[in-house]
Amino acid sequence: MKRAIIGVLAISFGLLLKSCNSVEPPTGLTINLKLEDISCTEAWIELTTTNLQLPAEIGLKQNNNVVKTINLIKSDTLLYINSLLPNTPYTFQAVNYGYRVASNTINVTTLDTTSQNFSFEILEFGDGFESSYFNDVWVFDENNIWAVGYISPSDTVVNGTPIINPNIIRWSGVKWELELFDGTSSGIDGIWAVNASKIYFANGIVLKYENGSYQYEDFSNVPLPNGQRVEKLWGSSESNIYGVGPWGTIVWYNGLKWTKIEFDTQWYFYEITGNKETGVGYAVAINQYDDCVVVKLENSAANIIYQKSQSEIKVASRTITSLDNNLYISGFYQQNLICRLNDRGENKTIHVLPLALGVRQSFALHSNDIFYSGEENSAVKLVHFNGASYKIFNIPQVDPDNYGGIHAIKDLAFSVGFTNNKAYIIKFRR
């Protein structure tokens, strides 16, 4: 009889333990993973939950092994996974052990690295007596490249028309030729293109090229006092173009008219980039105290999302480039950092360059193909990131006095500037 009672008690206790370890999940509880972005060595995965009581502990499985435990405090979060190998397949799954609920499994393959086998060609323009310089460049394809600035004239005639102030030169696939446009002695500062038939230029205001003809945009109702001028341009379409420049200059074109966006006049904007999918622009500026801000531009609003003086990571950048949901800024001379930034102001140092190397311009094709142009000890440097490693190329033939832009397409990049009173173009071919 005692054995029967003990047996019943044991069974009851076992059932009680089983019920304690198998809590029924709430109705409609789900966990979902979605790949947001992938590089050669990193992955960004969005984790979302429905009807999960928070906070909750989530285990992230990588190839069926738990590699990270997350104390989840909100129903959606972005997971960052690093230390992956290039060109390698992985699986990821999230598990909540309290309810024994698992997410979907996602399969991802990291990007392969790109080649860093570049050859270089240096071209110079101008007579060397009067200053010539290039401020920016745009590559449509290997037979259609535009460089802008000022080229000292030497009895310049294009199609029978004298060009007093040559500001635009174009590679036609056969030779470099001046465009039939007579600009100003102060030159053109920036270039941005919708396509090869519609190109916008910044030279204090905005000049538009369309199907062979040039015409200035209407800035009659855009006040630009006290040295303000448009020097750099970026847009996501013909109805969403931003221009920036010195002393807080920000202008916006909505497809109908140009308007001015008021901003603190202590800031000198050096560069602008943006996300073509969202239409949001991002500009970088520095003031006289070497403070630096990154400004988010959305419609007619301009908001600071990063400020050097208020950040733990302190970098004064003259350049900014955009890749998907990330921005890349780069410092120079004692601030020789390459940093990744998002529009929430979260900043992370991803590489440290030699102390005397200063990055002036940058351009990104993909996360495994990013170009940085600058100088170290009076020599031009090209820094290339192939997705896994950074490589520095020395261009000793050029002693730069100033720097223009950099632009690239697959396997072909161009960097411009001026040296010894001549404008230069450096061609990088992979």
Protein backbone atom coordinates (compact mmCIF):
# COMPACT_ATOMS: atom_id res chain seq x y z
CA MET A 1 0.00 0.00 0.00
CA LYS A 2 2.83 2.37 0.89
CA ARG A 3 4.50 1.57 -2.45
CA ALA A 4 1.31 2.47 -4.31
CA ILE A 5 1.03 5.81 -2.48
CA ILE A 6 4.73 6.59 -3.12
CA GLY A 7 4.26 5.70 -6.81
CA VAL A 8 1.27 8.01 -7.14
CA LEU A 9 3.18 10.81 -5.41
CA ALA A 10 6.16 10.32 -7.75
CA ILE A 11 3.97 10.45 -10.85
CA SER A 12 2.18 13.58 -9.59
CA PHE A 13 5.51 15.30 -8.79
CA GLY A 14 6.88 14.40 -12.21
CA LEU A 15 3.80 15.83 -13.92
CA LEU A 16 4.18 18.99 -11.84
CA LEU A 17 7.82 19.39 -12.91
CA LYS A 18 6.90 18.83 -16.53
CA SER A 19 4.16 21.48 -16.35
CA CYS A 20 6.61 23.97 -14.79
CA ASN A 21 9.19 23.46 -17.55
CA SER A 22 6.72 23.70 -20.44
CA VAL A 23 4.94 27.03 -20.03
CA GLU A 24 2.38 27.48 -22.75
CA PRO A 25 3.36 30.45 -24.97
CA PRO A 26 0.90 33.35 -25.34
CA THR A 27 -1.47 33.14 -28.29
CA GLY A 28 0.12 34.52 -31.45
CA LEU A 29 3.66 34.65 -30.09
CA THR A 30 6.16 34.91 -32.95
CA ILE A 31 9.86 35.70 -33.36
CA ASN A 32 11.11 36.76 -36.79
CA LEU A 33 14.52 37.43 -38.30
CA LYS A 34 15.17 39.49 -41.43
CA LEU A 35 18.53 40.24 -43.03
CA GLU A 36 19.01 44.01 -43.26
CA ASP A 37 22.57 44.20 -44.61
CA ILE A 38 25.60 42.02 -45.19
CA SER A 39 29.30 42.74 -45.74
CA CYS A 40 32.34 40.53 -46.04
CA THR A 41 32.71 40.13 -42.29
CA GLU A 42 29.50 41.56 -40.77
CA ALA A 43 25.75 41.05 -40.82
CA TRP A 44 22.89 43.26 -39.64
CA ILE A 45 19.73 41.31 -38.80
CA GLU A 46 16.40 42.77 -37.72
CA LEU A 47 14.74 40.81 -34.89
CA THR A 48 11.02 41.40 -34.31
CA THR A 49 8.60 39.76 -31.88
CA THR A 50 4.83 39.64 -31.46
CA ASN A 51 3.07 39.00 -28.13
CA LEU A 52 6.32 38.22 -26.31
CA GLN A 53 6.34 39.45 -22.71
CA LEU A 54 9.32 41.77 -22.25
CA PRO A 55 12.00 41.85 -21.06
CA ALA A 56 12.87 38.42 -22.42
CA GLU A 57 16.05 36.46 -22.97
CA ILE A 58 16.77 35.53 -26.59
CA GLY A 59 19.54 33.26 -27.80
CA LEU A 60 20.96 33.86 -31.28
CA LYS A 61 22.11 30.72 -33.04
CA GLN A 62 24.77 30.89 -35.73
CA ASN A 63 25.15 27.62 -37.63
CA ASN A 64 23.12 25.93 -34.81
CA ASN A 65 25.46 27.21 -32.07
CA VAL A 66 24.36 29.94 -29.67
CA VAL A 67 26.78 32.85 -30.20
CA LYS A 68 24.93 35.64 -28.44
CA THR A 69 22.38 36.03 -25.63
CA ILE A 70 20.20 39.12 -25.84
CA ASN A 71 18.15 40.69 -23.07
CA LEU A 72 15.34 41.91 -25.29
CA ILE A 73 13.60 45.04 -23.97
CA LYS A 74 11.63 46.08 -27.08
CA SER A 75 9.75 44.22 -29.75
CA ASP A 76 12.16 45.11 -32.55
CA THR A 77 15.91 45.47 -32.51
CA LEU A 78 18.82 45.41 -34.93
CA LEU A 79 21.37 42.68 -34.26
CA TYR A 80 25.00 43.25 -35.27
CA ILE A 81 27.15 40.19 -35.95
CA ASN A 82 30.85 40.54 -36.75
CA SER A 83 33.96 38.34 -37.09
CA LEU A 84 32.43 36.47 -40.02
CA LEU A 85 34.50 35.12 -42.90
CA PRO A 86 34.24 36.51 -46.46
CA ASN A 87 32.29 34.54 -49.06
CA THR A 88 30.99 32.06 -46.48
CA PRO A 89 27.42 30.75 -45.95
CA TYR A 90 25.81 31.06 -42.50
CA THR A 91 22.46 30.26 -40.89
CA PHE A 92 20.88 32.32 -38.09
CA GLN A 93 17.96 31.58 -35.79
CA ALA A 94 16.64 33.20 -32.60
CA VAL A 95 15.25 31.16 -29.70
CA ASN A 96 13.32 32.12 -26.56
CA TYR A 97 13.98 29.37 -24.03
CA GLY A 98 11.28 30.46 -21.57
CA TYR A 99 8.52 29.55 -24.02
CA ARG A 100 10.65 27.25 -26.19
CA VAL A 101 9.75 29.29 -29.27
CA ALA A 102 12.13 29.63 -32.21
CA SER A 103 12.20 32.09 -35.09
CA ASN A 104 12.50 31.36 -38.76
CA THR A 105 15.96 30.37 -39.99
CA ILE A 106 17.65 32.75 -42.42
CA ASN A 107 20.44 31.72 -44.75
CA VAL A 108 23.04 34.36 -45.66
CA THR A 109 26.34 34.35 -47.49
CA THR A 110 28.88 37.06 -46.76
CA LEU A 111 30.28 39.13 -49.63
CA ASP A 112 33.57 38.24 -51.23
CA THR A 113 36.47 40.69 -51.03
CA THR A 114 37.33 42.86 -54.04
CA SER A 115 40.69 43.05 -55.76
CA GLN A 116 43.20 45.69 -54.66
CA ASN A 117 45.37 45.32 -57.74
CA PHE A 118 45.27 48.90 -59.08
CA SER A 119 47.29 50.65 -61.74
CA PHE A 120 47.63 54.46 -61.75
CA GLU A 121 47.81 57.15 -64.39
CA ILE A 122 48.37 60.85 -63.63
CA LEU A 123 47.14 63.62 -65.98
CA GLU A 124 47.86 67.35 -65.63
CA PHE A 125 46.04 70.32 -67.17
CA GLY A 126 46.84 74.03 -67.44
CA ASP A 127 49.87 76.09 -68.44
CA GLY A 128 51.44 76.20 -64.98
CA PHE A 129 51.58 80.02 -64.93
CA GLU A 130 48.01 80.77 -63.96
CA SER A 131 46.45 78.45 -61.37
CA SER A 132 44.37 75.57 -62.72
CA TYR A 133 42.44 73.26 -60.44
CA PHE A 134 39.80 70.55 -60.38
CA ASN A 135 37.27 70.51 -57.56
CA ASP A 136 35.10 67.53 -58.44
CA VAL A 137 34.68 64.65 -60.89
CA TRP A 138 31.92 62.35 -62.12
CA VAL A 139 32.30 59.00 -63.91
CA PHE A 140 29.41 57.77 -66.06
CA ASP A 141 31.43 55.07 -67.81
CA GLU A 142 34.98 54.68 -69.05
CA ASN A 143 34.18 56.79 -72.12
CA ASN A 144 32.28 59.60 -70.37
CA ILE A 145 34.05 61.32 -67.46
CA TRP A 146 33.52 64.95 -66.39
CA ALA A 147 35.90 67.05 -64.26
CA VAL A 148 35.06 70.57 -63.06
CA GLY A 149 37.02 73.50 -61.68
CA TYR A 150 39.04 76.08 -63.59
CA ILE A 151 41.60 75.50 -66.34
CA SER A 152 43.84 78.41 -67.31
CA PRO A 153 42.96 79.35 -70.89
CA SER A 154 45.55 79.36 -73.64
CA ASP A 155 43.83 80.77 -76.74
CA THR A 156 41.04 78.29 -76.03
CA VAL A 157 38.51 77.85 -78.81
CA VAL A 158 35.76 75.19 -78.84
CA ASN A 159 33.88 74.70 -82.11
CA GLY A 160 34.92 78.19 -83.22
CA THR A 161 33.81 79.83 -79.93
CA PRO A 162 36.47 81.39 -77.63
CA ILE A 163 36.19 80.12 -74.05
CA ILE A 164 37.50 82.80 -71.67
CA ASN A 165 36.89 80.82 -68.46
CA PRO A 166 37.04 77.06 -69.09
CA ASN A 167 35.33 75.30 -66.16
CA ILE A 168 34.39 71.85 -67.51
CA ILE A 169 36.45 69.17 -69.24
CA ARG A 170 35.16 65.82 -70.47
CA TRP A 171 36.74 62.54 -71.54
CA SER A 172 34.97 61.34 -74.68
CA GLY A 173 36.67 57.95 -74.91
CA VAL A 174 39.29 59.38 -77.31
CA LYS A 175 40.60 62.55 -75.65
CA TRP A 176 39.92 65.16 -72.97
CA GLU A 177 37.93 68.06 -74.44
CA LEU A 178 36.68 71.34 -73.01
CA GLU A 179 32.93 71.72 -72.89
CA LEU A 180 31.32 74.58 -74.79
CA PHE A 181 30.61 76.53 -71.60
CA ASP A 182 32.20 79.84 -70.63
CA GLY A 183 32.06 80.00 -66.84
CA THR A 184 33.80 82.20 -64.30
CA SER A 185 37.37 82.62 -63.07
CA SER A 186 36.26 81.25 -59.68
CA GLY A 187 35.39 77.97 -61.37
CA ILE A 188 32.90 75.22 -60.58
CA ASP A 189 32.96 73.55 -57.16
CA GLY A 190 30.75 70.47 -57.42
CA ILE A 191 28.96 68.12 -59.77
CA TRP A 192 26.01 65.74 -59.36
CA ALA A 193 24.18 63.93 -62.15
CA VAL A 194 20.79 62.34 -62.69
CA ASN A 195 22.20 60.70 -65.82
CA ALA A 196 24.55 61.59 -68.67
CA SER A 197 21.92 63.92 -70.19
CA LYS A 198 21.04 65.82 -66.99
CA ILE A 199 23.90 67.13 -64.88
CA TYR A 200 23.90 69.75 -62.11
CA PHE A 201 26.89 71.92 -61.20
CA ALA A 202 27.54 74.04 -58.09
CA ASN A 203 29.33 77.36 -58.60
CA GLY A 204 27.81 79.61 -55.95
CA ILE A 205 24.34 78.88 -57.28
CA VAL A 206 23.35 75.92 -59.49
CA LEU A 207 23.95 75.38 -63.20
CA LYS A 208 22.06 72.67 -65.12
CA TYR A 209 23.23 70.83 -68.23
CA GLU A 210 20.48 69.14 -70.23
CA ASN A 211 20.91 67.50 -73.61
CA GLY A 212 23.81 69.68 -74.69
CA SER A 213 22.72 73.08 -73.33
CA TYR A 214 23.55 74.93 -70.09
CA GLN A 215 21.22 77.09 -68.05
CA TYR A 216 21.37 78.56 -64.55
CA GLU A 217 18.66 77.53 -62.10
CA ASP A 218 16.37 80.25 -60.73
CA PHE A 219 17.86 81.44 -57.43
CA SER A 220 16.16 84.85 -57.48
CA ASN A 221 14.21 84.02 -54.30
CA VAL A 222 17.06 82.24 -52.51
CA PRO A 223 18.97 84.73 -50.32
CA LEU A 224 22.65 83.82 -49.88
CA PRO A 225 24.24 86.65 -47.83
CA ASN A 226 27.62 87.00 -46.11
CA GLY A 227 29.70 84.71 -48.30
CA GLN A 228 27.15 81.92 -48.48
CA ARG A 229 27.29 79.89 -51.71
CA VAL A 230 26.45 76.43 -53.01
CA GLU A 231 29.60 74.30 -53.44
CA LYS A 232 28.49 70.66 -53.27
CA LEU A 233 25.37 68.85 -54.51
CA TRP A 234 23.58 65.56 -53.93
CA GLY A 235 20.15 64.30 -54.88
CA SER A 236 18.03 61.18 -55.07
CA SER A 237 16.02 62.39 -58.09
CA GLU A 238 15.24 65.49 -60.13
CA SER A 239 12.66 66.48 -57.52
CA ASN A 240 14.92 66.07 -54.49
CA ILE A 241 18.29 67.84 -54.71
CA TYR A 242 20.30 69.41 -51.88
CA GLY A 243 23.16 71.89 -52.08
CA VAL A 244 25.54 72.91 -49.28
CA GLY A 245 28.45 75.28 -48.77
CA PRO A 246 30.12 77.75 -46.40
CA TRP A 247 28.59 79.56 -43.43
CA GLY A 248 25.60 77.30 -43.00
CA THR A 249 24.53 77.24 -46.65
CA ILE A 250 21.82 74.63 -47.32
CA VAL A 251 19.42 74.77 -50.28
CA TRP A 252 16.79 72.27 -51.45
CA TYR A 253 15.06 71.68 -54.76
CA ASN A 254 11.68 69.90 -54.59
CA GLY A 255 11.15 69.61 -58.34
CA LEU A 256 9.42 72.99 -58.57
CA LYS A 257 11.67 75.57 -56.93
CA TRP A 258 14.84 76.08 -54.92
CA THR A 259 14.44 77.17 -51.30
CA LYS A 260 16.90 77.94 -48.53
CA ILE A 261 17.05 75.91 -45.31
CA GLU A 262 18.23 78.13 -42.47
CA PHE A 263 21.14 76.79 -40.43
CA ASP A 264 23.74 78.01 -37.94
CA THR A 265 26.21 80.14 -39.93
CA GLN A 266 29.27 79.01 -37.95
CA TRP A 267 29.41 75.76 -39.96
CA TYR A 268 31.27 75.31 -43.24
CA PHE A 269 29.83 72.37 -45.20
CA TYR A 270 32.46 70.43 -47.11
CA GLU A 271 30.59 67.42 -48.49
CA ILE A 272 27.16 65.90 -48.91
CA THR A 273 25.89 62.39 -49.59
CA GLY A 274 22.63 60.54 -49.09
CA ASN A 275 20.44 57.47 -49.31
CA LYS A 276 18.81 57.22 -52.75
CA GLU A 277 16.15 54.82 -51.45
CA THR A 278 14.87 57.15 -48.72
CA GLY A 279 15.82 60.48 -50.32
CA VAL A 280 17.50 61.60 -47.09
CA GLY A 281 20.69 63.64 -47.43
CA TYR A 282 23.62 63.89 -45.02
CA ALA A 283 26.15 66.73 -44.97
CA VAL A 284 29.34 67.20 -42.95
CA ALA A 285 30.60 70.57 -41.67
CA ILE A 286 33.41 72.01 -39.53
CA ASN A 287 33.64 75.31 -37.66
CA GLN A 288 36.61 77.51 -36.73
CA TYR A 289 37.11 75.58 -33.46
CA ASP A 290 37.62 72.25 -35.29
CA ASP A 291 34.26 71.01 -34.09
CA CYS A 292 32.39 68.86 -36.60
CA VAL A 293 28.74 68.04 -37.24
CA VAL A 294 26.87 65.61 -39.47
CA VAL A 295 23.49 67.02 -40.49
CA LYS A 296 20.52 64.96 -41.65
CA LEU A 297 18.50 66.62 -44.44
CA GLU A 298 14.93 65.50 -44.95
CA ASN A 299 12.59 67.68 -47.01
CA SER A 300 13.01 71.17 -45.53
CA ALA A 301 14.39 69.99 -42.18
CA ALA A 302 18.06 69.98 -41.13
CA ASN A 303 18.99 68.22 -37.88
CA ILE A 304 22.36 67.46 -36.31
CA ILE A 305 22.84 63.72 -35.71
CA TYR A 306 26.52 63.81 -34.74
CA GLN A 307 28.71 66.45 -33.11
CA LYS A 308 32.36 65.85 -32.36
CA SER A 309 32.42 67.95 -29.18
CA GLN A 310 29.52 65.94 -27.71
CA SER A 311 30.63 62.47 -28.79
CA GLU A 312 32.97 59.97 -27.16
CA ILE A 313 34.51 59.34 -30.59
CA LYS A 314 35.96 62.64 -31.73
CA VAL A 315 36.64 63.03 -35.42
CA ALA A 316 36.55 66.19 -37.55
CA SER A 317 35.71 65.02 -41.03
CA ARG A 318 35.69 66.88 -44.33
CA THR A 319 34.16 63.94 -46.17
CA ILE A 320 31.14 61.70 -45.84
CA THR A 321 29.83 58.79 -47.89
CA SER A 322 26.68 56.71 -47.58
CA LEU A 323 26.02 52.98 -47.84
CA ASP A 324 22.47 51.77 -47.20
CA ASN A 325 21.75 52.69 -43.58
CA ASN A 326 25.32 53.60 -42.63
CA LEU A 327 27.48 56.68 -43.08
CA TYR A 328 31.27 56.79 -43.15
CA ILE A 329 33.27 59.80 -41.94
CA SER A 330 37.04 60.12 -41.89
CA GLY A 331 39.36 62.41 -39.96
CA PHE A 332 42.84 63.71 -40.67
CA TYR A 333 46.03 64.60 -38.77
CA GLN A 334 45.80 63.37 -35.19
CA GLN A 335 42.16 62.40 -35.83
CA ASN A 336 43.05 59.68 -38.31
CA LEU A 337 39.95 57.55 -37.76
CA ILE A 338 37.49 56.00 -40.18
CA CYS A 339 34.13 55.81 -38.42
CA ARG A 340 30.75 54.32 -39.19
CA LEU A 341 27.71 56.35 -38.18
CA ASN A 342 23.95 55.82 -38.42
CA ASP A 343 21.19 58.41 -38.40
CA ARG A 344 20.53 57.76 -34.72
CA GLY A 345 23.96 59.24 -34.00
CA GLU A 346 25.54 55.91 -33.03
CA ASN A 347 29.22 56.12 -33.97
CA LYS A 348 31.86 53.39 -34.11
CA THR A 349 35.55 53.51 -35.05
CA ILE A 350 36.17 50.82 -37.67
CA HIS A 351 39.77 51.63 -38.66
CA VAL A 352 42.76 53.70 -37.56
CA LEU A 353 45.02 55.10 -40.28
CA PRO A 354 48.67 56.21 -39.91
CA LEU A 355 48.88 59.29 -37.72
CA ALA A 356 49.98 61.74 -40.45
CA LEU A 357 47.57 60.52 -43.11
CA GLY A 358 44.66 62.87 -43.75
CA VAL A 359 41.57 61.72 -45.64
CA ARG A 360 39.95 64.48 -47.68
CA GLN A 361 37.49 62.68 -49.95
CA SER A 362 35.73 59.32 -50.05
CA PHE A 363 33.40 57.35 -52.28
CA ALA A 364 31.68 54.01 -51.72
CA LEU A 365 30.49 51.56 -54.35
CA HIS A 366 29.66 48.73 -51.94
CA SER A 367 30.65 47.76 -48.42
CA ASN A 368 33.51 45.76 -49.95
CA ASP A 369 34.65 48.56 -52.29
CA ILE A 370 35.28 51.92 -50.59
CA PHE A 371 37.80 54.53 -51.78
CA TYR A 372 39.44 57.21 -49.63
CA SER A 373 41.68 59.93 -51.05
CA GLY A 374 44.04 62.12 -49.04
CA GLU A 375 47.69 62.86 -48.41
CA GLU A 376 50.59 62.08 -46.09
CA ASN A 377 53.91 63.93 -45.99
CA SER A 378 53.09 65.91 -49.16
CA ALA A 379 52.21 62.83 -51.23
CA VAL A 380 48.80 61.77 -52.47
CA LYS A 381 47.46 58.60 -50.87
CA LEU A 382 44.66 56.32 -51.97
CA VAL A 383 43.18 54.10 -49.26
CA HIS A 384 41.00 51.22 -50.42
CA PHE A 385 38.82 48.92 -48.31
CA ASN A 386 38.04 45.59 -49.99
CA GLY A 387 35.58 44.35 -47.36
CA ALA A 388 38.17 42.76 -45.10
CA SER A 389 41.32 44.90 -45.17
CA TYR A 390 42.57 48.40 -45.88
CA LYS A 391 45.43 49.01 -48.31
CA ILE A 392 47.27 52.30 -48.74
CA PHE A 393 48.64 53.30 -52.15
CA ASN A 394 51.31 55.98 -52.47
CA ILE A 395 51.18 58.36 -55.45
CA PRO A 396 54.57 60.11 -55.04
CA GLN A 397 54.48 61.98 -58.35
CA VAL A 398 51.83 64.41 -57.06
CA ASP A 399 52.52 66.96 -54.32
CA PRO A 400 48.96 68.22 -53.72
CA ASP A 401 48.15 71.82 -52.91
CA ASN A 402 44.44 71.11 -52.71
CA TYR A 403 41.98 68.28 -53.16
CA GLY A 404 38.86 67.83 -55.20
CA GLY A 405 36.40 64.99 -55.31
CA ILE A 406 36.67 61.28 -55.97
CA HIS A 407 34.19 59.19 -57.95
CA ALA A 408 34.18 55.57 -59.07
CA ILE A 409 32.42 52.91 -61.03
CA LYS A 410 33.28 49.21 -61.08
CA ASP A 411 37.06 48.81 -61.48
CA LEU A 412 37.61 52.50 -62.33
CA ALA A 413 38.07 55.50 -60.02
CA PHE A 414 39.16 59.12 -60.52
CA SER A 415 40.53 61.59 -57.95
CA VAL A 416 41.14 65.27 -58.74
CA GLY A 417 42.82 68.34 -57.27
CA PHE A 418 45.63 70.75 -58.11
CA THR A 419 49.40 70.91 -57.65
CA ASN A 420 52.07 73.40 -58.72
CA ASN A 421 49.50 75.63 -60.45
CA LYS A 422 48.18 72.72 -62.51
CA ALA A 423 44.97 70.72 -62.25
CA TYR A 424 45.48 66.98 -61.93
CA ILE A 425 43.42 63.85 -62.47
CA ILE A 426 44.54 60.51 -61.03
CA LYS A 427 43.03 57.49 -62.74
CA PHE A 428 42.85 54.23 -60.77
CA ARG A 429 42.13 51.12 -62.81
CA ARG A 430 41.65 47.65 -61.31
